[in-house]
Amino acid sequence: MITLTPRAAQQVRTMQVELAAPEKRLRVLVESGGCSGFQYGMSFDQPKPEDTEIVSEGVAFVVDPTSLAYLQGTLIDFDDGLHGKGFELKNPNAQSTCGCGKSFN
């Protein structure tokens, strides 16, 4: 299971309203790249038949099967504080992460 904190869920809701495309869902994904081998990605996209739809804090989002294997147990938070990091993924499957927090292996 992948979960959103209340702050992350609120930010996704805000972004969906600004997008003005209610049929699109937040897509959370893992792709090759970054300084540690894999990097996290997020975008708004049309759900695909092979996607898993997850609902957390009342927000529906989608994850493709490959990314889901890497993201099981991940907590997604949003930090808009002084450092302004944005979305932060706390992934228990990552052996190590890079300093930017967007790349892992």
C-alpha atoms as a PDB file:
ATOM      1  CA  MET A   1       0.000   0.000   0.000  1.00  0.00           C
ATOM      2  CA  ILE A   2       1.134   3.512  -0.806  1.00  0.00           C
ATOM      3  CA  THR A   3      -0.272   6.227   1.425  1.00  0.00           C
ATOM      4  CA  LEU A   4      -0.572   9.987   1.296  1.00  0.00           C
ATOM      5  CA  THR A   5      -0.286  12.208   4.344  1.00  0.00           C
ATOM      6  CA  PRO A   6      -3.100  14.735   4.810  1.00  0.00           C
ATOM      7  CA  ARG A   7      -0.760  17.504   3.563  1.00  0.00           C
ATOM      8  CA  ALA A   8       0.097  15.564   0.404  1.00  0.00           C
ATOM      9  CA  ALA A   9      -3.557  14.745  -0.246  1.00  0.00           C
ATOM     10  CA  GLN A  10      -4.524  18.410   0.087  1.00  0.00           C
ATOM     11  CA  GLN A  11      -1.795  19.447  -2.340  1.00  0.00           C
ATOM     12  CA  VAL A  12      -2.934  16.855  -4.895  1.00  0.00           C
ATOM     13  CA  ARG A  13      -6.531  18.124  -4.585  1.00  0.00           C
ATOM     14  CA  THR A  14      -5.332  21.702  -5.125  1.00  0.00           C
ATOM     15  CA  MET A  15      -3.333  20.681  -8.189  1.00  0.00           C
ATOM     16  CA  GLN A  16      -6.283  18.744  -9.643  1.00  0.00           C
ATOM     17  CA  VAL A  17      -8.548  21.781  -9.331  1.00  0.00           C
ATOM     18  CA  GLU A  18      -5.933  23.959 -11.050  1.00  0.00           C
ATOM     19  CA  LEU A  19      -5.518  21.356 -13.800  1.00  0.00           C
ATOM     20  CA  ALA A  20      -9.272  21.428 -14.530  1.00  0.00           C
ATOM     21  CA  ALA A  21      -9.193  17.855 -15.894  1.00  0.00           C
ATOM     22  CA  PRO A  22     -11.139  15.706 -13.418  1.00  0.00           C
ATOM     23  CA  GLU A  23     -10.688  12.558 -15.517  1.00  0.00           C
ATOM     24  CA  LYS A  24      -6.920  12.613 -14.931  1.00  0.00           C
ATOM     25  CA  ARG A  25      -5.339  11.012 -11.881  1.00  0.00           C
ATOM     26  CA  LEU A  26      -2.045  11.605 -10.172  1.00  0.00           C
ATOM     27  CA  ARG A  27       0.411   9.010 -11.471  1.00  0.00           C
ATOM     28  CA  VAL A  28       3.221   8.010  -9.110  1.00  0.00           C
ATOM     29  CA  LEU A  29       6.066   6.203 -10.833  1.00  0.00           C
ATOM     30  CA  VAL A  30       9.626   4.967 -10.687  1.00  0.00           C
ATOM     31  CA  GLU A  31      11.909   5.307 -13.695  1.00  0.00           C
ATOM     32  CA  SER A  32      15.562   4.689 -14.471  1.00  0.00           C
ATOM     33  CA  GLY A  33      17.796   7.678 -13.912  1.00  0.00           C
ATOM     34  CA  GLY A  34      18.873  10.070 -11.230  1.00  0.00           C
ATOM     35  CA  CYS A  35      22.153   9.897  -9.390  1.00  0.00           C
ATOM     36  CA  SER A  36      21.325   6.654  -7.525  1.00  0.00           C
ATOM     37  CA  GLY A  37      19.886   4.486 -10.321  1.00  0.00           C
ATOM     38  CA  PHE A  38      16.135   5.125 -10.036  1.00  0.00           C
ATOM     39  CA  GLN A  39      14.126   8.278  -9.612  1.00  0.00           C
ATOM     40  CA  TYR A  40      10.593   9.080  -8.551  1.00  0.00           C
ATOM     41  CA  GLY A  41       8.176  10.800 -10.851  1.00  0.00           C
ATOM     42  CA  MET A  42       4.677  12.250 -10.606  1.00  0.00           C
ATOM     43  CA  SER A  43       2.344  13.568 -13.252  1.00  0.00           C
ATOM     44  CA  PHE A  44      -1.344  13.822 -14.008  1.00  0.00           C
ATOM     45  CA  ASP A  45      -2.375  11.223 -16.556  1.00  0.00           C
ATOM     46  CA  GLN A  46      -5.258   9.152 -17.870  1.00  0.00           C
ATOM     47  CA  PRO A  47      -5.505   5.818 -16.014  1.00  0.00           C
ATOM     48  CA  LYS A  48      -4.430   2.804 -18.089  1.00  0.00           C
ATOM     49  CA  PRO A  49      -6.001  -0.671 -17.882  1.00  0.00           C
ATOM     50  CA  GLU A  50      -2.908  -2.205 -16.230  1.00  0.00           C
ATOM     51  CA  ASP A  51      -2.667   0.494 -13.533  1.00  0.00           C
ATOM     52  CA  THR A  52      -3.536  -0.096  -9.910  1.00  0.00           C
ATOM     53  CA  GLU A  53      -5.770   2.636  -8.518  1.00  0.00           C
ATOM     54  CA  ILE A  54      -5.121   3.479  -4.876  1.00  0.00           C
ATOM     55  CA  VAL A  55      -7.215   5.751  -2.680  1.00  0.00           C
ATOM     56  CA  SER A  56      -5.562   7.398   0.302  1.00  0.00           C
ATOM     57  CA  GLU A  57      -6.953  10.299   2.345  1.00  0.00           C
ATOM     58  CA  GLY A  58      -9.829  10.447  -0.157  1.00  0.00           C
ATOM     59  CA  VAL A  59      -7.521  10.996  -3.156  1.00  0.00           C
ATOM     60  CA  ALA A  60      -7.371   8.453  -5.983  1.00  0.00           C
ATOM     61  CA  PHE A  61      -4.048   7.989  -7.769  1.00  0.00           C
ATOM     62  CA  VAL A  62      -2.590   5.377 -10.114  1.00  0.00           C
ATOM     63  CA  VAL A  63       0.602   3.336 -10.199  1.00  0.00           C
ATOM     64  CA  ASP A  64       1.837   1.060 -12.987  1.00  0.00           C
ATOM     65  CA  PRO A  65       2.706  -2.572 -12.053  1.00  0.00           C
ATOM     66  CA  THR A  66       6.499  -2.144 -12.250  1.00  0.00           C
ATOM     67  CA  SER A  67       6.524   1.003 -10.123  1.00  0.00           C
ATOM     68  CA  LEU A  68       4.163  -0.570  -7.606  1.00  0.00           C
ATOM     69  CA  ALA A  69       6.743  -3.258  -6.831  1.00  0.00           C
ATOM     70  CA  TYR A  70       9.302  -0.564  -5.902  1.00  0.00           C
ATOM     71  CA  LEU A  71       6.838   1.634  -4.012  1.00  0.00           C
ATOM     72  CA  GLN A  72       5.062  -0.827  -1.689  1.00  0.00           C
ATOM     73  CA  GLY A  73       4.871   0.702   1.781  1.00  0.00           C
ATOM     74  CA  THR A  74       5.847   4.203   0.641  1.00  0.00           C
ATOM     75  CA  LEU A  75       4.521   7.261   2.452  1.00  0.00           C
ATOM     76  CA  ILE A  76       4.102  10.397   0.326  1.00  0.00           C
ATOM     77  CA  ASP A  77       4.280  13.691   2.196  1.00  0.00           C
ATOM     78  CA  PHE A  78       4.277  17.311   1.070  1.00  0.00           C
ATOM     79  CA  ASP A  79       6.543  19.953   2.575  1.00  0.00           C
ATOM     80  CA  ASP A  80       5.833  23.553   1.670  1.00  0.00           C
ATOM     81  CA  GLY A  81       7.819  24.968   4.551  1.00  0.00           C
ATOM     82  CA  LEU A  82      10.933  27.086   4.652  1.00  0.00           C
ATOM     83  CA  HIS A  83      13.007  24.649   2.593  1.00  0.00           C
ATOM     84  CA  GLY A  84      10.146  24.114   0.122  1.00  0.00           C
ATOM     85  CA  LYS A  85      11.015  20.542  -0.808  1.00  0.00           C
ATOM     86  CA  GLY A  86       7.622  19.722  -2.326  1.00  0.00           C
ATOM     87  CA  PHE A  87       6.584  16.069  -2.390  1.00  0.00           C
ATOM     88  CA  GLU A  88       8.737  13.705  -0.361  1.00  0.00           C
ATOM     89  CA  LEU A  89       8.574   9.929  -0.750  1.00  0.00           C
ATOM     90  CA  LYS A  90       9.594   7.860   2.252  1.00  0.00           C
ATOM     91  CA  ASN A  91      10.260   4.479   0.687  1.00  0.00           C
ATOM     92  CA  PRO A  92      11.148   1.574   2.989  1.00  0.00           C
ATOM     93  CA  ASN A  93      12.422  -0.413  -0.020  1.00  0.00           C
ATOM     94  CA  ALA A  94      15.188   2.058  -0.912  1.00  0.00           C
ATOM     95  CA  GLN A  95      18.599   0.800   0.143  1.00  0.00           C
ATOM     96  CA  SER A  96      20.026   4.287  -0.183  1.00  0.00           C
ATOM     97  CA  THR A  97      18.891   7.686  -1.404  1.00  0.00           C
ATOM     98  CA  CYS A  98      20.715  10.643  -2.820  1.00  0.00           C
ATOM     99  CA  GLY A  99      20.823  14.024  -1.149  1.00  0.00           C
ATOM    100  CA  CYS A 100      18.073  15.442  -3.357  1.00  0.00           C
ATOM    101  CA  GLY A 101      15.583  12.837  -2.081  1.00  0.00           C
ATOM    102  CA  LYS A 102      14.295  12.115  -5.595  1.00  0.00           C
ATOM    103  CA  SER A 103      16.702   9.319  -6.465  1.00  0.00           C
ATOM    104  CA  PHE A 104      17.282   5.907  -4.843  1.00  0.00           C
ATOM    105  CA  ASN A 105      18.557   2.383  -5.346  1.00  0.00           C
END
